[in-house]
N, C-alpha and C. Protein backbone atom coordinates (compact mmCIF):
# COMPACT_ATOMS: atom_id res chain seq x y z
N UNK A 1 0.85 -1.19 0.00
CA UNK A 1 0.00 0.00 0.00
C UNK A 1 0.89 1.24 0.00
N UNK A 2 0.66 2.14 -0.92
CA UNK A 2 1.48 3.34 -1.01
C UNK A 2 0.87 4.46 -0.18
N UNK A 3 1.62 5.53 -0.01
CA UNK A 3 1.13 6.68 0.74
C UNK A 3 -0.02 7.37 0.03
N UNK A 4 -0.09 7.23 -1.29
CA UNK A 4 -1.17 7.85 -2.05
C UNK A 4 -2.52 7.24 -1.70
N UNK A 5 -2.52 5.94 -1.34
CA UNK A 5 -3.77 5.28 -1.00
C UNK A 5 -4.34 5.81 0.32
N UNK A 6 -3.50 6.19 1.24
CA UNK A 6 -3.96 6.65 2.55
C UNK A 6 -4.29 8.13 2.55
N UNK A 7 -3.78 8.90 1.61
CA UNK A 7 -3.97 10.34 1.65
C UNK A 7 -5.42 10.79 1.50
N UNK A 8 -6.28 10.18 0.65
CA UNK A 8 -7.67 10.64 0.61
C UNK A 8 -8.39 10.45 1.94
N UNK A 9 -8.07 9.37 2.64
CA UNK A 9 -8.69 9.14 3.94
C UNK A 9 -8.23 10.19 4.93
N UNK A 10 -6.94 10.47 4.91
CA UNK A 10 -6.39 11.48 5.81
C UNK A 10 -6.97 12.85 5.50
N UNK A 11 -7.07 13.20 4.23
CA UNK A 11 -7.62 14.50 3.85
C UNK A 11 -9.08 14.63 4.27
N UNK A 12 -9.86 13.59 4.08
CA UNK A 12 -11.27 13.68 4.46
C UNK A 12 -11.41 13.77 5.97
N UNK A 13 -10.53 13.10 6.72
CA UNK A 13 -10.56 13.21 8.18
C UNK A 13 -10.19 14.61 8.62
N UNK A 14 -9.22 15.24 7.95
CA UNK A 14 -8.84 16.61 8.30
C UNK A 14 -9.98 17.58 8.06
N UNK A 15 -10.72 17.38 6.98
CA UNK A 15 -11.85 18.26 6.68
C UNK A 15 -12.91 18.13 7.76
N UNK A 16 -13.16 16.92 8.20
CA UNK A 16 -14.15 16.70 9.26
C UNK A 16 -13.69 17.36 10.55
N UNK A 17 -12.41 17.21 10.87
CA UNK A 17 -11.90 17.79 12.11
C UNK A 17 -11.85 19.31 12.05
N UNK A 18 -11.51 19.86 10.91
CA UNK A 18 -11.39 21.31 10.80
C UNK A 18 -12.74 21.98 10.66
N UNK A 19 -13.68 21.34 10.01
CA UNK A 19 -15.01 21.90 9.87
C UNK A 19 -15.09 23.02 8.86
N UNK A 20 -16.05 23.89 9.08
CA UNK A 20 -16.31 25.00 8.17
C UNK A 20 -15.98 26.32 8.83
N UNK A 21 -15.61 27.26 8.01
CA UNK A 21 -15.29 28.61 8.48
C UNK A 21 -16.56 29.25 9.03
N UNK A 22 -16.53 29.80 10.24
CA UNK A 22 -17.72 30.43 10.81
C UNK A 22 -18.14 31.72 10.09
N UNK A 23 -17.25 32.30 9.31
CA UNK A 23 -17.57 33.54 8.62
C UNK A 23 -18.22 33.30 7.26
N UNK A 24 -17.64 32.42 6.44
CA UNK A 24 -18.12 32.26 5.07
C UNK A 24 -18.56 30.82 4.74
N UNK A 25 -18.39 29.90 5.67
CA UNK A 25 -18.81 28.50 5.53
C UNK A 25 -17.99 27.68 4.54
N UNK A 26 -16.84 28.20 4.08
CA UNK A 26 -15.93 27.39 3.27
C UNK A 26 -15.16 26.46 4.19
N UNK A 27 -14.45 25.51 3.61
CA UNK A 27 -13.66 24.59 4.41
C UNK A 27 -12.54 25.35 5.13
N UNK A 28 -12.36 25.05 6.40
CA UNK A 28 -11.30 25.68 7.19
C UNK A 28 -9.95 25.10 6.78
N UNK A 29 -8.90 25.86 7.00
CA UNK A 29 -7.54 25.40 6.69
C UNK A 29 -6.74 25.28 7.98
N UNK A 30 -5.69 24.49 7.92
CA UNK A 30 -4.85 24.32 9.11
C UNK A 30 -4.18 25.62 9.51
N UNK A 31 -3.80 26.43 8.53
CA UNK A 31 -3.07 27.67 8.83
C UNK A 31 -3.92 28.69 9.59
N UNK A 32 -5.21 28.73 9.32
CA UNK A 32 -6.07 29.77 9.90
C UNK A 32 -7.26 29.21 10.67
N UNK A 33 -7.21 27.94 11.06
CA UNK A 33 -8.39 27.34 11.67
C UNK A 33 -8.83 28.11 12.88
N UNK A 34 -10.07 28.25 13.15
CA UNK A 34 -11.20 27.61 12.49
C UNK A 34 -11.67 28.31 11.23
N UNK A 35 -10.86 29.26 10.75
CA UNK A 35 -11.24 30.03 9.56
C UNK A 35 -10.61 29.43 8.31
N UNK A 36 -11.05 29.92 7.14
CA UNK A 36 -10.52 29.41 5.88
C UNK A 36 -9.37 30.26 5.36
N UNK A 37 -9.27 31.51 5.82
CA UNK A 37 -8.26 32.41 5.29
C UNK A 37 -7.94 33.51 6.30
N UNK A 38 -6.90 34.25 6.00
CA UNK A 38 -6.53 35.39 6.85
C UNK A 38 -7.63 36.45 6.82
N UNK A 39 -8.26 36.61 5.67
CA UNK A 39 -9.34 37.60 5.54
C UNK A 39 -10.47 37.32 6.54
N UNK A 40 -10.93 36.06 6.58
CA UNK A 40 -12.02 35.72 7.50
C UNK A 40 -11.56 35.84 8.95
N UNK A 41 -10.31 35.48 9.22
CA UNK A 41 -9.76 35.62 10.56
C UNK A 41 -9.73 37.09 10.98
N UNK A 42 -9.30 37.96 10.09
CA UNK A 42 -9.25 39.39 10.38
C UNK A 42 -10.64 40.00 10.54
N UNK A 43 -11.59 39.54 9.75
CA UNK A 43 -12.97 40.02 9.89
C UNK A 43 -13.53 39.68 11.26
N UNK A 44 -13.26 38.46 11.72
CA UNK A 44 -13.74 38.06 13.03
C UNK A 44 -13.07 38.88 14.13
N UNK A 45 -11.77 39.11 14.00
CA UNK A 45 -11.06 39.92 14.98
C UNK A 45 -11.62 41.34 15.04
N UNK A 46 -11.93 41.91 13.88
CA UNK A 46 -12.48 43.27 13.89
C UNK A 46 -13.86 43.31 14.53
N UNK A 47 -14.62 42.23 14.39
CA UNK A 47 -15.92 42.18 15.07
C UNK A 47 -15.74 42.13 16.58
N UNK A 48 -14.78 41.33 17.04
CA UNK A 48 -14.51 41.28 18.48
C UNK A 48 -14.09 42.64 18.99
N UNK A 49 -13.16 43.28 18.28
CA UNK A 49 -12.65 44.57 18.74
C UNK A 49 -13.70 45.67 18.64
N UNK A 50 -14.64 45.53 17.73
CA UNK A 50 -15.69 46.52 17.58
C UNK A 50 -16.86 46.32 18.53
N UNK A 51 -16.84 45.25 19.31
CA UNK A 51 -17.90 45.01 20.29
C UNK A 51 -19.14 44.35 19.73
N UNK A 52 -19.06 43.81 18.52
CA UNK A 52 -20.22 43.16 17.92
C UNK A 52 -20.63 41.93 18.72
N UNK A 53 -19.65 41.22 19.30
CA UNK A 53 -19.94 40.00 20.04
C UNK A 53 -20.19 40.24 21.52
N UNK A 54 -20.35 41.47 21.95
CA UNK A 54 -20.55 41.78 23.36
C UNK A 54 -21.91 41.26 23.85
N UNK A 55 -21.91 40.81 25.08
CA UNK A 55 -23.14 40.34 25.71
C UNK A 55 -23.71 41.50 26.51
N UNK A 56 -24.93 41.91 26.21
CA UNK A 56 -25.50 43.04 26.95
C UNK A 56 -25.74 42.66 28.42
N UNK A 57 -25.42 43.57 29.30
CA UNK A 57 -25.61 43.34 30.74
C UNK A 57 -26.66 44.30 31.27
N UNK A 58 -27.40 43.83 32.24
CA UNK A 58 -28.39 44.69 32.88
C UNK A 58 -27.78 45.27 34.14
N UNK A 59 -27.86 46.56 34.27
CA UNK A 59 -27.34 47.23 35.45
C UNK A 59 -28.36 47.07 36.58
N UNK A 60 -27.88 46.67 37.74
CA UNK A 60 -28.76 46.54 38.91
C UNK A 60 -28.92 47.92 39.54
N UNK A 61 -30.12 48.25 39.95
CA UNK A 61 -30.37 49.51 40.64
C UNK A 61 -29.80 49.41 42.05
N UNK A 62 -28.93 50.36 42.39
CA UNK A 62 -28.34 50.38 43.72
C UNK A 62 -29.18 51.26 44.62
N UNK A 63 -29.56 50.74 45.75
CA UNK A 63 -30.34 51.52 46.72
C UNK A 63 -29.41 52.06 47.79
N UNK A 64 -29.89 52.98 48.58
CA UNK A 64 -29.08 53.54 49.66
C UNK A 64 -28.73 52.47 50.68
N UNK A 65 -29.61 51.52 50.88
CA UNK A 65 -29.33 50.44 51.83
C UNK A 65 -28.17 49.58 51.34
N UNK A 66 -28.09 49.36 50.04
CA UNK A 66 -26.97 48.58 49.49
C UNK A 66 -25.65 49.33 49.64
N UNK A 67 -25.69 50.64 49.50
CA UNK A 67 -24.48 51.45 49.57
C UNK A 67 -24.07 51.77 51.00
N UNK A 68 -24.94 51.60 51.99
CA UNK A 68 -24.64 51.95 53.37
C UNK A 68 -23.46 51.16 53.92
N UNK A 69 -23.31 49.91 53.52
CA UNK A 69 -22.21 49.09 54.02
C UNK A 69 -20.88 49.44 53.40
N UNK A 70 -20.88 50.19 52.31
CA UNK A 70 -19.63 50.55 51.64
C UNK A 70 -18.86 51.65 52.37
N UNK A 71 -19.57 52.53 53.03
CA UNK A 71 -18.94 53.68 53.71
C UNK A 71 -19.37 53.68 55.18
N UNK A 72 -18.70 52.93 56.05
CA UNK A 72 -19.13 52.83 57.45
C UNK A 72 -18.91 54.10 58.27
N UNK A 73 -18.05 55.00 57.82
CA UNK A 73 -17.78 56.23 58.59
C UNK A 73 -18.90 57.25 58.48
N UNK A 74 -19.74 57.14 57.52
CA UNK A 74 -20.77 58.17 57.31
C UNK A 74 -21.96 57.93 58.18
């Protein structure tokens, strides 16, 4: 059995393990996984830096009773 016989199996296993690019759904590459290219990797980074992936938080209303323990001298 030559190495050529095993390579299609190895390639198909790599595709399954790498999956699809979350940005454009093309096959991911080893160099940029989980993305397919530097472009998709950079697009995702710019979304993170721009706050697109931020989780909105609800601010709790602070009452005077909650704040009383913070300043015991008053």
